[in-house]
């Protein structure tokens, strides 16, 4: 998996920007960070109770927080940003295993209603194993809740917010640069996947689109209604790739469980795996078509035009 330079090391050239503090930037970064902090904190008890929705929401907020720390890095003190990023990464990873297993169990249970015979016997077997693993993964959810509820995480938030300094960096210019680079990353990863055809490369495309969407959401207030429509299109494509990823992971899991099962149970595994593999292929083809329309050169030019007309005045504008 590869990432472009902007994603790891982006830092605006401040010589291009105004010498004073960017007030809109101050508001943008605070809103972005505080909103994710609030979501993470609000789901502590739900995560302790291993509620699926709470786990999903906290994990998603922790990912958004990590990207916000990258996007707004010119405004944040490096040491405080890295300290909080480590905490957020710990939360994301702790919740990941339970979330992945829970999705698999949910999918198998839903599809089990439509099966019989060999299929159903194997699916019952697979559900029992995955539910047991999901239960054992609950301890990681406790770890994530402990991190969020601990003093270390709270103090890291306070220090980070206190370190915000928007002097010299215009948020409109920052947004335009970040969003165009994020779009180029999607286009580059999609081009790479089209050449290789590998599932792992399509997975990189999926992550790149997710990052683009999050960046668009963080900067939505700067652009206005047109950005809302663009985000809606990204969500549609994300939904397709999200289901594709779930199907391919479950296909692999089914084959693994089948190889370890007794013969009378294992007979149903290839049939179940084939069904998920076929669905993944359909979704991959769907993305190939929708992705071409959304990330072609014509669409890129339209996105550039969208960013040129912001909903707010740039802080470098003349009086």
Protein backbone atom coordinates (compact mmCIF):
# COMPACT_ATOMS: atom_id res chain seq x y z
CA UNK A 1 0.00 0.00 0.00
CA UNK A 2 1.43 3.38 -0.98
CA UNK A 3 0.61 6.98 -0.12
CA UNK A 4 1.49 10.24 -1.87
CA UNK A 5 3.81 12.80 -0.36
CA UNK A 6 0.96 15.13 0.60
CA UNK A 7 -0.60 12.52 2.87
CA UNK A 8 2.55 12.00 4.93
CA UNK A 9 4.45 15.24 4.75
CA UNK A 10 2.16 17.98 3.52
CA UNK A 11 3.08 21.42 4.85
CA UNK A 12 1.94 24.58 3.02
CA UNK A 13 4.43 27.11 1.82
CA UNK A 14 3.59 29.92 4.23
CA UNK A 15 5.36 32.50 2.08
CA UNK A 16 2.32 32.38 -0.21
CA UNK A 17 -0.06 33.27 2.56
CA UNK A 18 -1.01 36.28 4.62
CA UNK A 19 1.09 37.27 7.67
CA UNK A 20 -1.86 37.53 10.08
CA UNK A 21 -3.88 34.86 11.84
CA UNK A 22 -6.57 33.13 9.78
CA UNK A 23 -9.77 33.44 11.80
CA UNK A 24 -11.83 31.16 9.52
CA UNK A 25 -9.05 28.61 9.83
CA UNK A 26 -9.20 28.84 13.61
CA UNK A 27 -12.92 28.09 13.48
CA UNK A 28 -12.57 25.27 10.96
CA UNK A 29 -9.89 23.36 12.84
CA UNK A 30 -11.61 23.74 16.21
CA UNK A 31 -14.95 22.59 14.83
CA UNK A 32 -13.37 19.61 13.08
CA UNK A 33 -11.47 18.44 16.15
CA UNK A 34 -14.15 19.13 18.74
CA UNK A 35 -16.85 17.37 16.75
CA UNK A 36 -14.81 14.16 16.60
CA UNK A 37 -13.79 14.44 20.25
CA UNK A 38 -17.47 14.71 21.20
CA UNK A 39 -18.50 11.66 19.17
CA UNK A 40 -15.72 9.55 20.64
CA UNK A 41 -16.60 10.58 24.21
CA UNK A 42 -20.36 10.16 23.74
CA UNK A 43 -19.99 6.48 22.86
CA UNK A 44 -17.82 5.33 25.74
CA UNK A 45 -20.63 3.60 27.61
CA UNK A 46 -22.03 2.07 24.45
CA UNK A 47 -18.61 0.66 23.59
CA UNK A 48 -18.26 -0.75 27.11
CA UNK A 49 -21.60 -2.49 26.53
CA UNK A 50 -20.26 -3.72 23.15
CA UNK A 51 -23.11 -2.10 21.23
CA UNK A 52 -22.48 -2.44 17.50
CA UNK A 53 -23.58 1.10 16.62
CA UNK A 54 -21.46 2.67 19.35
CA UNK A 55 -18.39 0.68 18.29
CA UNK A 56 -18.87 1.66 14.66
CA UNK A 57 -19.40 5.35 15.46
CA UNK A 58 -16.44 5.62 17.82
CA UNK A 59 -14.16 3.83 15.38
CA UNK A 60 -15.26 6.04 12.50
CA UNK A 61 -14.79 9.18 14.61
CA UNK A 62 -11.29 8.05 15.59
CA UNK A 63 -10.42 7.64 11.90
CA UNK A 64 -11.85 11.05 11.07
CA UNK A 65 -9.88 12.55 13.94
CA UNK A 66 -6.64 11.09 12.62
CA UNK A 67 -7.28 12.54 9.17
CA UNK A 68 -8.23 15.92 10.65
CA UNK A 69 -4.88 15.96 12.43
CA UNK A 70 -3.16 15.45 9.08
CA UNK A 71 -5.26 17.95 7.14
CA UNK A 72 -4.88 20.74 9.69
CA UNK A 73 -1.30 19.95 10.61
CA UNK A 74 -0.02 23.45 9.66
CA UNK A 75 -2.15 24.80 12.52
CA UNK A 76 -1.13 22.29 15.19
CA UNK A 77 1.96 21.87 17.32
CA UNK A 78 3.79 18.79 16.06
CA UNK A 79 4.36 17.12 19.43
CA UNK A 80 0.74 17.55 20.53
CA UNK A 81 -0.59 16.41 17.17
CA UNK A 82 1.50 13.25 17.18
CA UNK A 83 0.59 12.42 20.77
CA UNK A 84 -3.13 12.58 20.04
CA UNK A 85 -2.71 10.74 16.74
CA UNK A 86 -1.17 7.81 18.61
CA UNK A 87 -4.10 7.74 21.02
CA UNK A 88 -6.62 7.86 18.16
CA UNK A 89 -4.81 5.08 16.30
CA UNK A 90 -4.95 2.91 19.43
CA UNK A 91 -8.73 3.39 19.55
CA UNK A 92 -9.18 2.58 15.86
CA UNK A 93 -7.17 -0.62 16.08
CA UNK A 94 -8.74 -1.77 19.33
CA UNK A 95 -12.24 -1.55 17.86
CA UNK A 96 -11.37 -2.92 14.43
CA UNK A 97 -11.39 -6.64 15.19
CA UNK A 98 -14.77 -6.65 16.93
CA UNK A 99 -16.33 -4.50 14.22
CA UNK A 100 -15.06 -6.75 11.42
CA UNK A 101 -16.32 -9.92 13.10
CA UNK A 102 -19.67 -8.36 13.98
CA UNK A 103 -20.25 -7.38 10.33
CA UNK A 104 -19.46 -10.92 9.21
CA UNK A 105 -21.89 -12.44 11.71
CA UNK A 106 -24.60 -9.99 10.68
CA UNK A 107 -24.15 -10.80 7.00
CA UNK A 108 -24.18 -14.55 7.58
CA UNK A 109 -27.28 -14.36 9.75
CA UNK A 110 -29.11 -12.31 7.15
CA UNK A 111 -28.22 -14.60 4.27
CA UNK A 112 -28.84 -17.75 6.28
CA UNK A 113 -32.58 -17.08 6.03
CA UNK A 114 -32.40 -17.80 2.30
CA UNK A 115 -30.43 -21.05 2.52
CA UNK A 116 -30.99 -24.72 3.33
CA UNK A 117 -29.15 -28.04 3.51
CA UNK A 118 -25.37 -27.88 3.14
CA UNK A 119 -25.39 -24.10 3.05
CA UNK A 120 -27.32 -23.71 6.28
CA UNK A 121 -25.33 -26.31 8.20
CA UNK A 122 -22.06 -24.62 7.34
CA UNK A 123 -23.41 -21.14 8.01
CA UNK A 124 -24.60 -22.19 11.47
CA UNK A 125 -21.13 -23.56 12.10
CA UNK A 126 -19.44 -20.37 10.86
CA UNK A 127 -21.75 -18.10 12.84
CA UNK A 128 -21.04 -19.99 16.06
CA UNK A 129 -17.27 -19.68 15.59
CA UNK A 130 -17.37 -16.00 14.63
CA UNK A 131 -19.71 -15.13 17.49
CA UNK A 132 -17.25 -16.75 19.90
CA UNK A 133 -14.38 -14.76 18.39
CA UNK A 134 -16.49 -11.61 18.54
CA UNK A 135 -17.16 -12.20 22.22
CA UNK A 136 -13.47 -12.68 22.91
CA UNK A 137 -12.72 -9.46 21.03
CA UNK A 138 -14.86 -7.53 23.49
CA UNK A 139 -11.84 -7.03 25.71
CA UNK A 140 -10.35 -4.80 23.03
CA UNK A 141 -13.49 -2.68 23.13
CA UNK A 142 -12.92 -2.25 26.85
CA UNK A 143 -9.38 -1.13 26.09
CA UNK A 144 -10.65 1.50 23.65
CA UNK A 145 -13.21 2.79 26.16
CA UNK A 146 -10.49 2.99 28.82
CA UNK A 147 -8.31 5.07 26.50
CA UNK A 148 -11.13 7.52 25.76
CA UNK A 149 -12.15 7.76 29.39
CA UNK A 150 -8.61 8.17 30.68
CA UNK A 151 -6.89 11.35 31.76
CA UNK A 152 -4.15 10.92 29.16
CA UNK A 153 -6.58 11.23 26.26
CA UNK A 154 -8.39 14.17 27.85
CA UNK A 155 -5.17 16.05 28.54
CA UNK A 156 -3.94 15.35 25.00
CA UNK A 157 -7.10 16.96 23.63
CA UNK A 158 -6.70 20.03 25.83
CA UNK A 159 -3.05 20.51 24.91
CA UNK A 160 -3.80 20.10 21.21
CA UNK A 161 -6.60 22.67 21.21
CA UNK A 162 -4.41 25.08 23.13
CA UNK A 163 -1.65 24.67 20.53
CA UNK A 164 -3.73 25.82 17.54
CA UNK A 165 -2.00 28.62 15.65
CA UNK A 166 -3.41 29.71 12.27
CA UNK A 167 -0.94 32.53 11.67
CA UNK A 168 0.30 32.65 8.10
CA UNK A 169 -1.86 29.91 6.59
CA UNK A 170 -5.12 30.70 4.78
CA UNK A 171 -7.71 27.97 5.31
CA UNK A 172 -9.22 28.48 1.84
CA UNK A 173 -5.85 27.94 0.17
CA UNK A 174 -5.20 25.00 2.48
CA UNK A 175 -8.56 23.45 1.59
CA UNK A 176 -8.06 23.86 -2.13
CA UNK A 177 -4.63 22.26 -1.98
CA UNK A 178 -5.70 19.40 0.28
CA UNK A 179 -8.83 18.53 -1.69
CA UNK A 180 -7.18 18.60 -5.09
CA UNK A 181 -4.32 16.45 -3.81
CA UNK A 182 -6.78 14.03 -2.21
CA UNK A 183 -8.64 13.73 -5.50
CA UNK A 184 -5.39 13.14 -7.38
CA UNK A 185 -4.56 10.38 -4.91
CA UNK A 186 -7.87 8.68 -5.70
CA UNK A 187 -7.24 9.02 -9.42
CA UNK A 188 -3.70 7.63 -9.06
CA UNK A 189 -4.75 4.63 -6.96
CA UNK A 190 -7.67 3.89 -9.32
CA UNK A 191 -5.30 3.97 -12.29
CA UNK A 192 -2.95 1.60 -10.47
CA UNK A 193 -5.82 -0.80 -9.71
CA UNK A 194 -7.03 -0.76 -13.33
CA UNK A 195 -3.58 -1.95 -14.40
CA UNK A 196 -3.17 -4.65 -11.74
CA UNK A 197 -6.74 -5.80 -11.18
CA UNK A 198 -5.70 -6.86 -7.67
CA UNK A 199 -8.17 -6.77 -4.78
CA UNK A 200 -5.58 -5.22 -2.46
CA UNK A 201 -5.12 -2.33 -4.88
CA UNK A 202 -8.88 -1.77 -5.04
CA UNK A 203 -8.84 -1.72 -1.25
CA UNK A 204 -6.32 1.14 -1.43
CA UNK A 205 -8.72 2.96 -3.76
CA UNK A 206 -11.50 2.45 -1.21
CA UNK A 207 -9.40 4.01 1.55
CA UNK A 208 -8.38 6.90 -0.72
CA UNK A 209 -12.03 7.69 -1.50
CA UNK A 210 -12.84 7.57 2.20
CA UNK A 211 -10.08 10.08 2.90
CA UNK A 212 -11.32 12.34 0.10
CA UNK A 213 -14.84 12.26 1.49
CA UNK A 214 -13.70 13.08 5.02
CA UNK A 215 -11.60 15.98 3.71
CA UNK A 216 -14.59 17.28 1.74
CA UNK A 217 -16.73 17.11 4.86
CA UNK A 218 -14.16 19.00 6.94
CA UNK A 219 -14.04 21.78 4.33
CA UNK A 220 -17.70 21.70 3.30
CA UNK A 221 -18.56 25.02 4.97
CA UNK A 222 -15.98 26.78 2.78
CA UNK A 223 -17.64 25.67 -0.45
CA UNK A 224 -21.33 25.40 0.39
CA UNK A 225 -24.14 23.46 -1.31
CA UNK A 226 -22.14 22.21 -4.34
CA UNK A 227 -19.83 20.31 -2.01
CA UNK A 228 -22.82 18.63 -0.36
CA UNK A 229 -23.85 17.19 -3.72
CA UNK A 230 -20.31 15.97 -4.41
CA UNK A 231 -20.11 14.29 -1.00
CA UNK A 232 -23.39 12.49 -1.75
CA UNK A 233 -21.82 11.02 -4.89
CA UNK A 234 -18.76 9.93 -2.94
CA UNK A 235 -20.99 8.21 -0.39
CA UNK A 236 -22.70 6.21 -3.14
CA UNK A 237 -19.36 4.98 -4.46
CA UNK A 238 -18.16 4.29 -0.93
CA UNK A 239 -21.24 2.20 -0.25
CA UNK A 240 -20.47 0.00 -3.25
CA UNK A 241 -16.84 -0.50 -2.23
CA UNK A 242 -17.80 -1.00 1.40
CA UNK A 243 -20.06 -3.94 0.54
CA UNK A 244 -17.43 -5.23 -1.90
CA UNK A 245 -14.84 -5.25 0.88
CA UNK A 246 -17.19 -7.01 3.29
CA UNK A 247 -17.98 -9.70 0.71
CA UNK A 248 -14.35 -10.39 -0.18
CA UNK A 249 -13.32 -10.60 3.48
CA UNK A 250 -16.19 -12.93 4.25
CA UNK A 251 -15.36 -15.07 1.22
CA UNK A 252 -11.82 -15.55 2.56
CA UNK A 253 -13.09 -16.23 6.08
CA UNK A 254 -15.59 -18.82 4.86
CA UNK A 255 -12.89 -20.71 2.98
CA UNK A 256 -10.59 -20.60 6.01
CA UNK A 257 -13.32 -21.92 8.32
CA UNK A 258 -14.28 -24.55 5.77
CA UNK A 259 -10.72 -25.86 5.55
CA UNK A 260 -10.68 -26.31 9.32
CA UNK A 261 -14.15 -27.88 9.63
CA UNK A 262 -15.24 -31.51 9.63
CA UNK A 263 -16.11 -32.93 6.23
CA UNK A 264 -19.88 -32.98 6.78
CA UNK A 265 -19.80 -29.26 7.59
CA UNK A 266 -17.06 -28.21 5.19
CA UNK A 267 -19.05 -29.29 2.12
CA UNK A 268 -21.13 -26.14 2.31
CA UNK A 269 -18.15 -23.77 2.56
CA UNK A 270 -17.26 -23.60 -1.18
CA UNK A 271 -20.90 -22.87 -2.03
CA UNK A 272 -21.16 -20.05 0.49
CA UNK A 273 -17.75 -18.62 -0.48
CA UNK A 274 -18.68 -18.71 -4.15
CA UNK A 275 -21.85 -16.71 -3.48
CA UNK A 276 -19.90 -13.97 -1.71
CA UNK A 277 -17.22 -14.02 -4.39
CA UNK A 278 -19.80 -13.58 -7.13
CA UNK A 279 -21.39 -10.68 -5.28
CA UNK A 280 -17.99 -9.04 -4.82
CA UNK A 281 -17.34 -9.35 -8.58
CA UNK A 282 -20.66 -7.64 -9.36
CA UNK A 283 -19.84 -4.79 -7.00
CA UNK A 284 -16.34 -4.43 -8.43
CA UNK A 285 -17.80 -4.06 -11.91
CA UNK A 286 -20.31 -1.52 -10.61
CA UNK A 287 -17.52 0.55 -9.10
CA UNK A 288 -15.51 0.36 -12.32
CA UNK A 289 -18.37 2.09 -14.11
CA UNK A 290 -19.31 4.60 -11.41
CA UNK A 291 -15.69 5.39 -10.56
CA UNK A 292 -14.90 6.17 -14.17
CA UNK A 293 -17.65 8.79 -14.27
CA UNK A 294 -16.74 10.36 -10.93
CA UNK A 295 -12.95 10.44 -11.25
CA UNK A 296 -12.36 11.10 -14.96
CA UNK A 297 -10.54 14.22 -16.25
CA UNK A 298 -13.82 16.00 -16.96
CA UNK A 299 -15.01 15.46 -13.40
CA UNK A 300 -11.66 16.63 -12.06
CA UNK A 301 -12.02 19.92 -13.93
CA UNK A 302 -15.54 20.32 -12.55
CA UNK A 303 -14.18 19.74 -9.04
CA UNK A 304 -11.49 22.37 -9.58
CA UNK A 305 -14.16 24.85 -10.69
CA UNK A 306 -16.21 24.01 -7.61
CA UNK A 307 -13.28 24.85 -5.35
CA UNK A 308 -12.62 28.16 -7.08
CA UNK A 309 -15.97 29.51 -5.89
CA UNK A 310 -15.98 29.36 -2.11
CA UNK A 311 -18.92 30.21 0.12
CA UNK A 312 -16.80 32.56 2.24
CA UNK A 313 -14.26 35.28 1.58
CA UNK A 314 -10.65 34.26 1.67
CA UNK A 315 -8.78 35.83 4.55
CA UNK A 316 -6.24 37.13 2.02
CA UNK A 317 -8.91 39.07 0.16
CA UNK A 318 -8.40 42.79 -0.09
CA UNK A 319 -10.76 45.03 1.87
